[in-house]
Structures are given as C-alpha cells and as structure tokens.
C-alpha cells in the first residue's frame, strides 16, 4: 500500500511535470539551466506553484490567541501603521525543483514527439543480462516450474509405491518443488559518439555561440537517455580545424576566415581512428553562420559528406545560426546537393526561439 505522503509527493511531481511541459519552450532557451546542471539533475525555477497550506473557517475562529483581550505592547507594526520602505504589491514566489536529466529527456520527447532511437552499432562495452538456463531446488514462487515439480512428485509417489491408479492424485511436498534458475550473461551494448563541430571565426559572435551551447545541451540530454554510454568529441574551425575540450569549444573565438572542409576532414579522421561504424552509433552536428571561403570548398565539403561521413554515421545535422556578418549561403548549397538524403538534416536557427523547432528537426526521425 502506498503511503499518503508518497501519494502527495507523486501528485506534486505530476504538477511540476505539467508546469515544465507547459513552459518548455521558455525553458529551452534559458542558459541558466545549463549553469545549474549537476551530475544527474537540473534545478529549475518554477513560479506560481501553490504550496498547500492551512486555511481556517471565518465562522469558527476560536482557539488559542482568539477573542477579546487586554491591550498590551504591540509586536511589530500596529494600529494600522506600516513600516516605511515596504512595498504593497505581492512578490513573485519562485520554487526551485530538482528534475533528473532522464525525466527532462522524457518531457522533451513527449513535447517534441520524439521517437525512441533504434541503435545501429554495437560497441565492445558489455552489460550484464540474466538468462534462464536451468532448474534449481530453491527459488521464488513466481519462478516455480510446474511441470518439473509435478514430475518430481510423481516420481516420489512411484518410488514409495503410494501412487493410486484409481485415484491419481499428486500432492507435491516441499522437497518436490523445482524452480527456474538463471545465470548472468555478458552481452555487448549499443554505444554512441557525438562529434560537435562549430565555426569559431570572427563572424560567429557570443550570441551565436550561446544558441549552439543551449541546443547542444538538449541534444546531449536526449541522446544520453537513449544510450547508456556516450562519448563526445569537439571540433572547432576557422580556416583550419582542431579538436578541443568542451570548455574551449564554447569559449574560443578566432578572427580568421572559414574553410568548413577542414572540420569535416578532421571528423572523418576521428571516426576512422576510434569509432568503427559497425560498432558505434555516430552522430555529427555542425554549427556555422553559413560562410565558407575558397573556390570549390563547398563542393569539397559535399564530397566528403557523401563519400565518407554520411555512410559512416546515423545522422549528419547542420544548424545554421544567423549572424549579421555571415553570408548564410552554405545551407542553401547543401539543400540543393542532398535532396532526398534522409541522413542529412538541415536547420536554420535565426534566434533562440528557433531552438525548439531545430531540435525537433534534428532528432525527430529516431535514427
């Protein structure tokens, strides 16, 4: 039986969940969530949550401290006077609740209607799985093997010559009972790698990088709910590309030009060196403002994608963040080149409000 307090707690969690779903678009664009991220939880401020409290009837006001009494020394402000400096408007009460990243991923999936991913590769990382392999004389009643128990009881009756052919009734004793037994089997588990690529040239400002930071947080949250083990690699590029750590990825800014093919070549080298496609689920995400210098470089990018990256990956996602300094032509050229290619998903992200639709476009196919 569920205790009353557990029912109340579950009901409160459902209220919280409903409030988050209702305001999900607003929370999606808040970078404060990322700052409050713990190992497994995120602290979310929720306004306008009514906390249960006691309320007394106006007709039954008896009790301690009620009724007429002698005038004494007032405590605090009395006589209708108020202290100076205090406001008269009600304040906004914010309640911070901890929500697990798994629950946040479920809410995201429900609101964006994201399908569960069907893993493609198997990595040589194992998980323990129980498999029923034999019969034991002890075990839980839920695993009692009826046929084996009956046969054992029948055998005992025959050996003891207590079996009555005219009244074939078999009554199993405790020692007759047999149970299904199992042993733990080690099996390979589906695993994934995410390679994030981002243009850090002079045309990509802090606002554009903030959009990328927020969107990758939600992409990470969803993919980690689908795979137990995920590795993440980060590539930045201007006219050249290099692999960096997460902190450098989000806070580096260069002043050079942009040659996108350098990032695609490096991503391909990373895959070849560490992630065989038949063992890994590979996700590629590239964010840029659409600039790409050099004659024929867009054609080189398309060739690398077509011949190397797309065949090896589950998805290749390109998000173009609008910038006042970028040309924005790259997404149009990819659209023309990869018409009908299901693994290539393109998204235009003009501002933070577009993050919601961009995530749905990237993850909505369940690959």
Protein backbone atom coordinates (compact mmCIF):
# COMPACT_ATOMS: atom_id res chain seq x y z
CA UNK A 1 0.00 0.00 0.00
CA UNK A 2 1.35 3.41 -0.97
CA UNK A 3 1.68 5.76 1.98
CA UNK A 4 -0.30 9.00 1.97
CA UNK A 5 2.83 11.14 1.83
CA UNK A 6 4.07 9.15 -1.20
CA UNK A 7 0.78 9.81 -2.98
CA UNK A 8 1.06 13.51 -2.20
CA UNK A 9 4.67 13.57 -3.38
CA UNK A 10 3.78 11.80 -6.64
CA UNK A 11 0.91 14.21 -7.21
CA UNK A 12 3.21 17.17 -6.60
CA UNK A 13 5.75 15.74 -9.07
CA UNK A 14 2.98 15.44 -11.67
CA UNK A 15 2.09 19.09 -11.11
CA UNK A 16 5.75 20.03 -11.58
CA UNK A 17 6.00 17.90 -14.71
CA UNK A 18 2.90 19.52 -16.17
CA UNK A 19 4.25 23.00 -15.44
CA UNK A 20 7.56 22.21 -17.13
CA UNK A 21 5.81 20.81 -20.22
CA UNK A 22 3.60 23.87 -20.38
CA UNK A 23 6.59 26.22 -20.28
CA UNK A 24 9.08 24.01 -22.15
CA UNK A 25 9.67 26.48 -24.97
CA UNK A 26 10.63 29.09 -22.39
CA UNK A 27 12.98 26.74 -20.53
CA UNK A 28 14.59 25.59 -23.77
CA UNK A 29 16.13 28.99 -24.38
CA UNK A 30 17.34 29.63 -20.81
CA UNK A 31 21.06 29.19 -20.50
CA UNK A 32 20.65 29.39 -16.69
CA UNK A 33 19.55 25.74 -16.73
CA UNK A 34 22.94 24.69 -18.02
CA UNK A 35 24.66 26.62 -15.24
CA UNK A 36 22.54 24.79 -12.65
CA UNK A 37 23.21 21.38 -14.11
CA UNK A 38 24.51 18.78 -11.67
CA UNK A 39 25.71 15.29 -12.45
CA UNK A 40 22.22 13.84 -12.83
CA UNK A 41 19.86 16.72 -12.02
CA UNK A 42 18.94 20.21 -13.18
CA UNK A 43 17.48 22.83 -10.83
CA UNK A 44 14.50 24.58 -12.47
CA UNK A 45 12.81 27.71 -11.03
CA UNK A 46 9.03 27.39 -11.26
CA UNK A 47 6.85 30.45 -10.49
CA UNK A 48 3.18 30.37 -9.44
CA UNK A 49 3.15 26.96 -7.76
CA UNK A 50 0.58 26.97 -4.97
CA UNK A 51 2.03 25.22 -1.93
CA UNK A 52 -0.62 23.52 0.29
CA UNK A 53 -1.34 25.47 3.49
CA UNK A 54 -3.88 25.54 6.33
CA UNK A 55 -7.00 27.68 5.97
CA UNK A 56 -9.46 28.40 8.78
CA UNK A 57 -13.19 28.95 8.51
CA UNK A 58 -14.34 32.54 9.05
CA UNK A 59 -17.23 31.31 11.24
CA UNK A 60 -15.08 29.20 13.56
CA UNK A 61 -12.25 31.43 14.64
CA UNK A 62 -11.98 30.12 18.24
CA UNK A 63 -8.76 28.80 19.63
CA UNK A 64 -5.54 29.99 21.15
CA UNK A 65 -4.94 33.69 20.61
CA UNK A 66 -8.52 34.46 19.51
CA UNK A 67 -11.19 36.66 21.11
CA UNK A 68 -11.08 39.89 23.18
CA UNK A 69 -8.12 40.63 25.37
CA UNK A 70 -6.34 43.45 27.11
CA UNK A 71 -4.31 45.86 25.06
CA UNK A 72 -0.65 45.17 25.54
CA UNK A 73 2.61 46.17 23.97
CA UNK A 74 2.28 45.71 20.20
CA UNK A 75 4.80 43.49 18.48
CA UNK A 76 5.91 44.90 15.17
CA UNK A 77 3.72 47.42 13.38
CA UNK A 78 0.28 48.00 14.97
CA UNK A 79 -2.61 50.41 14.99
CA UNK A 80 -2.93 50.34 11.25
CA UNK A 81 0.52 51.84 10.80
CA UNK A 82 3.00 50.33 8.42
CA UNK A 83 6.75 50.41 8.37
CA UNK A 84 8.28 52.64 5.75
CA UNK A 85 10.05 51.25 2.72
CA UNK A 86 7.92 48.14 2.29
CA UNK A 87 6.03 47.59 -0.95
CA UNK A 88 2.31 46.80 -1.18
CA UNK A 89 2.37 44.57 -4.28
CA UNK A 90 2.64 40.78 -3.84
CA UNK A 91 6.05 39.32 -4.54
CA UNK A 92 6.78 36.58 -7.05
CA UNK A 93 7.49 33.30 -5.32
CA UNK A 94 9.95 31.07 -7.14
CA UNK A 95 10.20 27.43 -6.24
CA UNK A 96 13.33 25.64 -7.40
CA UNK A 97 12.84 21.94 -8.01
CA UNK A 98 15.41 19.33 -8.99
CA UNK A 99 14.49 17.41 -12.12
CA UNK A 100 16.54 14.44 -13.27
CA UNK A 101 18.07 14.61 -16.73
CA UNK A 102 16.24 11.38 -17.63
CA UNK A 103 12.88 12.92 -16.69
CA UNK A 104 13.80 16.08 -18.56
CA UNK A 105 14.55 13.96 -21.63
CA UNK A 106 11.14 12.25 -21.32
CA UNK A 107 9.39 15.62 -21.11
CA UNK A 108 11.34 16.81 -24.15
CA UNK A 109 10.41 13.67 -26.06
CA UNK A 110 6.71 13.97 -25.21
CA UNK A 111 6.50 17.63 -26.16
CA UNK A 112 8.54 17.29 -29.37
CA UNK A 113 7.04 13.85 -30.18
CA UNK A 114 10.50 12.33 -30.50
CA UNK A 115 10.60 8.60 -31.34
CA UNK A 116 12.95 6.28 -29.49
CA UNK A 117 16.17 5.66 -31.38
CA UNK A 118 16.86 2.24 -32.86
CA UNK A 119 20.59 1.65 -32.20
CA UNK A 120 22.68 0.68 -35.19
CA UNK A 121 26.14 -0.26 -33.94
CA UNK A 122 27.43 -2.44 -31.12
CA UNK A 123 30.43 -1.29 -29.15
CA UNK A 124 32.64 -3.71 -27.21
CA UNK A 125 31.26 -2.39 -23.93
CA UNK A 126 29.23 -5.03 -22.13
CA UNK A 127 26.18 -5.20 -19.92
CA UNK A 128 25.02 -7.97 -17.61
CA UNK A 129 21.81 -9.74 -18.62
CA UNK A 130 20.05 -12.55 -16.78
CA UNK A 131 19.15 -15.63 -18.82
CA UNK A 132 17.16 -18.62 -17.55
CA UNK A 133 19.29 -21.69 -18.15
CA UNK A 134 18.42 -24.45 -15.65
CA UNK A 135 16.39 -25.86 -12.75
CA UNK A 136 17.09 -25.39 -9.02
CA UNK A 137 15.57 -26.82 -5.83
CA UNK A 138 15.11 -23.36 -4.31
CA UNK A 139 13.80 -20.07 -5.61
CA UNK A 140 10.90 -17.62 -5.51
CA UNK A 141 7.39 -18.98 -6.00
CA UNK A 142 6.96 -16.79 -9.07
CA UNK A 143 9.62 -18.92 -10.81
CA UNK A 144 8.27 -22.33 -9.78
CA UNK A 145 8.42 -24.77 -12.69
CA UNK A 146 5.05 -26.58 -12.59
CA UNK A 147 5.94 -29.44 -14.98
CA UNK A 148 9.23 -30.27 -13.25
CA UNK A 149 7.58 -30.07 -9.83
CA UNK A 150 4.79 -32.43 -10.93
CA UNK A 151 7.28 -34.93 -12.41
CA UNK A 152 9.35 -34.92 -9.23
CA UNK A 153 6.28 -35.52 -7.05
CA UNK A 154 5.07 -38.30 -9.37
CA UNK A 155 8.50 -39.94 -9.24
CA UNK A 156 8.42 -39.85 -5.44
CA UNK A 157 4.93 -41.42 -5.35
CA UNK A 158 6.00 -44.23 -7.70
CA UNK A 159 9.19 -44.98 -5.79
CA UNK A 160 7.35 -45.06 -2.46
CA UNK A 161 4.51 -47.10 -4.05
CA UNK A 162 1.96 -44.60 -2.78
CA UNK A 163 0.54 -43.82 -6.20
CA UNK A 164 -3.09 -44.90 -6.59
CA UNK A 165 -4.01 -45.63 -10.22
CA UNK A 166 -7.70 -45.50 -9.32
CA UNK A 167 -7.29 -42.07 -7.71
CA UNK A 168 -4.30 -40.47 -9.48
CA UNK A 169 -3.84 -37.55 -7.15
CA UNK A 170 -0.40 -35.98 -6.88
CA UNK A 171 0.40 -33.77 -3.89
CA UNK A 172 3.86 -32.17 -4.18
CA UNK A 173 5.87 -31.89 -0.99
CA UNK A 174 8.27 -29.09 -0.26
CA UNK A 175 11.24 -31.12 -1.48
CA UNK A 176 9.46 -31.83 -4.79
CA UNK A 177 9.34 -28.20 -5.85
CA UNK A 178 11.57 -27.13 -8.69
CA UNK A 179 12.34 -23.55 -9.82
CA UNK A 180 13.74 -21.92 -12.90
CA UNK A 181 17.30 -20.76 -12.36
CA UNK A 182 19.37 -18.26 -14.26
CA UNK A 183 22.90 -17.14 -14.82
CA UNK A 184 24.21 -13.72 -15.71
CA UNK A 185 25.31 -13.39 -19.32
CA UNK A 186 27.58 -10.62 -20.53
CA UNK A 187 26.37 -9.04 -23.78
CA UNK A 188 27.63 -6.14 -25.90
CA UNK A 189 25.66 -2.93 -25.51
CA UNK A 190 24.81 -0.28 -28.07
CA UNK A 191 27.01 2.76 -27.72
CA UNK A 192 27.24 6.16 -29.38
CA UNK A 193 29.61 9.02 -30.10
CA UNK A 194 28.62 12.62 -30.79
CA UNK A 195 31.01 14.82 -32.74
CA UNK A 196 30.18 18.51 -32.45
CA UNK A 197 31.73 20.89 -34.97
CA UNK A 198 31.48 24.67 -34.79
CA UNK A 199 32.71 27.64 -36.77
CA UNK A 200 34.65 29.96 -34.43
CA UNK A 201 35.68 32.56 -37.00
CA UNK A 202 35.21 36.28 -36.42
CA UNK A 203 31.66 36.27 -37.82
CA UNK A 204 30.44 33.93 -35.05
CA UNK A 205 29.75 36.13 -32.03
CA UNK A 206 28.82 35.37 -28.43
CA UNK A 207 25.09 35.33 -29.21
CA UNK A 208 25.55 32.68 -31.89
CA UNK A 209 27.71 30.54 -29.61
CA UNK A 210 25.13 30.81 -26.83
CA UNK A 211 22.49 29.39 -29.18
CA UNK A 212 24.82 26.49 -30.01
CA UNK A 213 25.55 25.90 -26.32
CA UNK A 214 21.86 25.72 -25.41
CA UNK A 215 20.91 23.49 -28.32
CA UNK A 216 23.74 21.02 -27.74
CA UNK A 217 22.72 20.74 -24.06
CA UNK A 218 19.26 19.48 -25.07
CA UNK A 219 20.66 17.24 -27.81
CA UNK A 220 23.01 15.69 -25.23
CA UNK A 221 20.16 15.25 -22.75
CA UNK A 222 18.04 13.33 -25.27
CA UNK A 223 20.78 11.14 -26.72
CA UNK A 224 22.06 10.21 -23.24
CA UNK A 225 18.58 8.96 -22.40
CA UNK A 226 18.76 6.63 -25.42
CA UNK A 227 22.28 5.27 -24.91
CA UNK A 228 23.88 4.16 -21.66
CA UNK A 229 27.37 5.09 -22.82
CA UNK A 230 28.10 8.14 -24.94
CA UNK A 231 31.38 9.74 -25.88
CA UNK A 232 31.53 13.36 -27.03
CA UNK A 233 34.21 14.95 -29.22
CA UNK A 234 34.52 18.64 -30.05
CA UNK A 235 35.98 20.21 -33.20
CA UNK A 236 36.37 23.94 -33.83
CA UNK A 237 37.41 25.53 -37.09
CA UNK A 238 38.04 28.76 -38.90
CA UNK A 239 40.44 28.36 -41.83
CA UNK A 240 41.88 25.31 -40.02
CA UNK A 241 40.30 22.75 -37.69
CA UNK A 242 41.43 21.28 -34.40
CA UNK A 243 39.97 19.08 -31.68
CA UNK A 244 39.42 20.73 -28.29
CA UNK A 245 37.75 20.10 -24.93
CA UNK A 246 34.23 21.24 -24.06
CA UNK A 247 35.25 24.45 -22.31
CA UNK A 248 37.41 25.57 -25.24
CA UNK A 249 34.68 24.62 -27.71
CA UNK A 250 32.18 27.10 -26.27
CA UNK A 251 34.54 29.96 -25.40
CA UNK A 252 37.05 30.19 -28.24
CA UNK A 253 36.80 33.00 -30.77
CA UNK A 254 39.12 33.44 -33.70
CA UNK A 255 39.41 36.24 -36.25
CA UNK A 256 40.28 34.33 -39.40
CA UNK A 257 38.20 33.17 -42.32
CA UNK A 258 36.16 29.99 -42.64
CA UNK A 259 37.01 26.79 -44.52
CA UNK A 260 34.42 24.21 -43.48
CA UNK A 261 36.04 21.24 -45.22
CA UNK A 262 38.86 21.28 -42.65
CA UNK A 263 36.35 20.33 -39.91
CA UNK A 264 34.80 17.55 -42.00
CA UNK A 265 38.20 16.06 -42.77
CA UNK A 266 39.15 16.07 -39.07
CA UNK A 267 35.82 14.50 -38.08
CA UNK A 268 36.41 11.75 -40.62
CA UNK A 269 39.90 11.13 -39.21
CA UNK A 270 38.47 10.88 -35.66
CA UNK A 271 35.89 8.31 -36.80
CA UNK A 272 38.49 6.22 -38.66
CA UNK A 273 40.86 6.27 -35.69
CA UNK A 274 38.43 5.43 -32.87
CA UNK A 275 34.87 4.61 -33.96
CA UNK A 276 34.27 1.75 -36.43
CA UNK A 277 30.79 2.33 -37.90
CA UNK A 278 29.76 -1.31 -37.41
CA UNK A 279 30.33 -0.94 -33.65
CA UNK A 280 29.26 2.64 -32.99
CA UNK A 281 26.21 4.85 -33.47
CA UNK A 282 27.76 8.05 -34.84
CA UNK A 283 26.11 11.49 -34.69
CA UNK A 284 27.60 14.54 -36.38
CA UNK A 285 26.40 18.07 -35.58
CA UNK A 286 27.89 21.11 -37.30
CA UNK A 287 27.01 24.73 -36.45
CA UNK A 288 28.05 27.69 -38.58
CA UNK A 289 26.80 31.04 -39.85
CA UNK A 290 26.98 29.84 -43.45
CA UNK A 291 30.27 31.38 -44.57
CA UNK A 292 32.65 29.14 -46.50
CA UNK A 293 35.71 30.63 -48.16
CA UNK A 294 37.64 29.31 -51.10
CA UNK A 295 36.57 28.40 -54.59
CA UNK A 296 35.18 24.90 -54.75
CA UNK A 297 35.29 24.32 -51.00
CA UNK A 298 31.56 23.73 -50.73
CA UNK A 299 31.90 21.04 -53.40
CA UNK A 300 34.75 19.51 -51.38
CA UNK A 301 32.52 19.53 -48.26
CA UNK A 302 29.72 17.80 -50.16
CA UNK A 303 32.09 15.16 -51.49
CA UNK A 304 33.48 14.38 -48.00
CA UNK A 305 29.96 14.14 -46.64
CA UNK A 306 28.69 11.95 -49.47
CA UNK A 307 31.63 9.55 -49.65
CA UNK A 308 32.81 9.39 -46.02
CA UNK A 309 30.70 10.97 -43.28
CA UNK A 310 27.15 10.08 -44.29
CA UNK A 311 27.78 6.33 -44.91
CA UNK A 312 29.51 6.06 -41.51
CA UNK A 313 27.01 7.99 -39.40
CA UNK A 314 23.45 7.67 -38.14
CA UNK A 315 22.80 11.37 -38.76
CA UNK A 316 24.58 14.39 -40.16
CA UNK A 317 22.93 17.55 -38.81
CA UNK A 318 23.84 21.05 -39.92
CA UNK A 319 22.48 24.02 -37.98
CA UNK A 320 22.99 27.46 -39.47
CA UNK A 321 22.96 30.22 -36.87
CA UNK A 322 22.04 33.60 -38.28
CA UNK A 323 24.78 36.23 -37.97
CA UNK A 324 24.90 39.82 -39.26
CA UNK A 325 28.38 39.07 -40.61
CA UNK A 326 27.82 35.67 -42.24
CA UNK A 327 26.72 35.12 -45.83
CA UNK A 328 24.35 32.25 -44.98
CA UNK A 329 24.78 30.52 -48.34
CA UNK A 330 26.10 27.16 -47.15
CA UNK A 331 22.73 25.73 -46.08
CA UNK A 332 21.21 26.58 -49.47
CA UNK A 333 24.00 24.75 -51.28
CA UNK A 334 23.58 21.67 -49.05
CA UNK A 335 19.83 21.71 -49.69
CA UNK A 336 20.42 21.62 -53.44
CA UNK A 337 23.07 18.88 -53.24
CA UNK A 338 21.44 16.47 -50.77
CA UNK A 339 17.83 16.47 -51.93
CA UNK A 340 16.10 13.36 -50.58
CA UNK A 341 19.03 12.24 -48.38
CA UNK A 342 17.37 11.13 -45.10
CA UNK A 343 20.58 11.13 -43.06
CA UNK A 344 21.25 14.82 -43.77
CA UNK A 345 19.11 17.18 -41.71
CA UNK A 346 19.42 20.94 -42.14
CA UNK A 347 18.07 23.58 -39.77
CA UNK A 348 18.04 27.37 -39.94
CA UNK A 349 18.34 28.92 -36.45
CA UNK A 350 17.79 32.69 -36.66
CA UNK A 351 17.44 33.18 -32.87
CA UNK A 352 16.87 31.38 -29.57
CA UNK A 353 13.16 30.97 -30.25
CA UNK A 354 14.03 28.68 -33.16
CA UNK A 355 15.91 26.18 -30.96
CA UNK A 356 12.72 24.24 -30.20
CA UNK A 357 11.95 23.53 -33.87
CA UNK A 358 15.60 22.90 -34.68
CA UNK A 359 15.88 20.13 -32.05
CA UNK A 360 12.68 18.54 -33.34
CA UNK A 361 14.06 18.60 -36.89
CA UNK A 362 17.37 17.03 -35.83
CA UNK A 363 16.01 14.28 -33.56
CA UNK A 364 12.52 13.69 -34.89
CA UNK A 365 13.37 10.79 -37.19
CA UNK A 366 14.59 8.44 -34.45
CA UNK A 367 17.83 7.46 -36.17
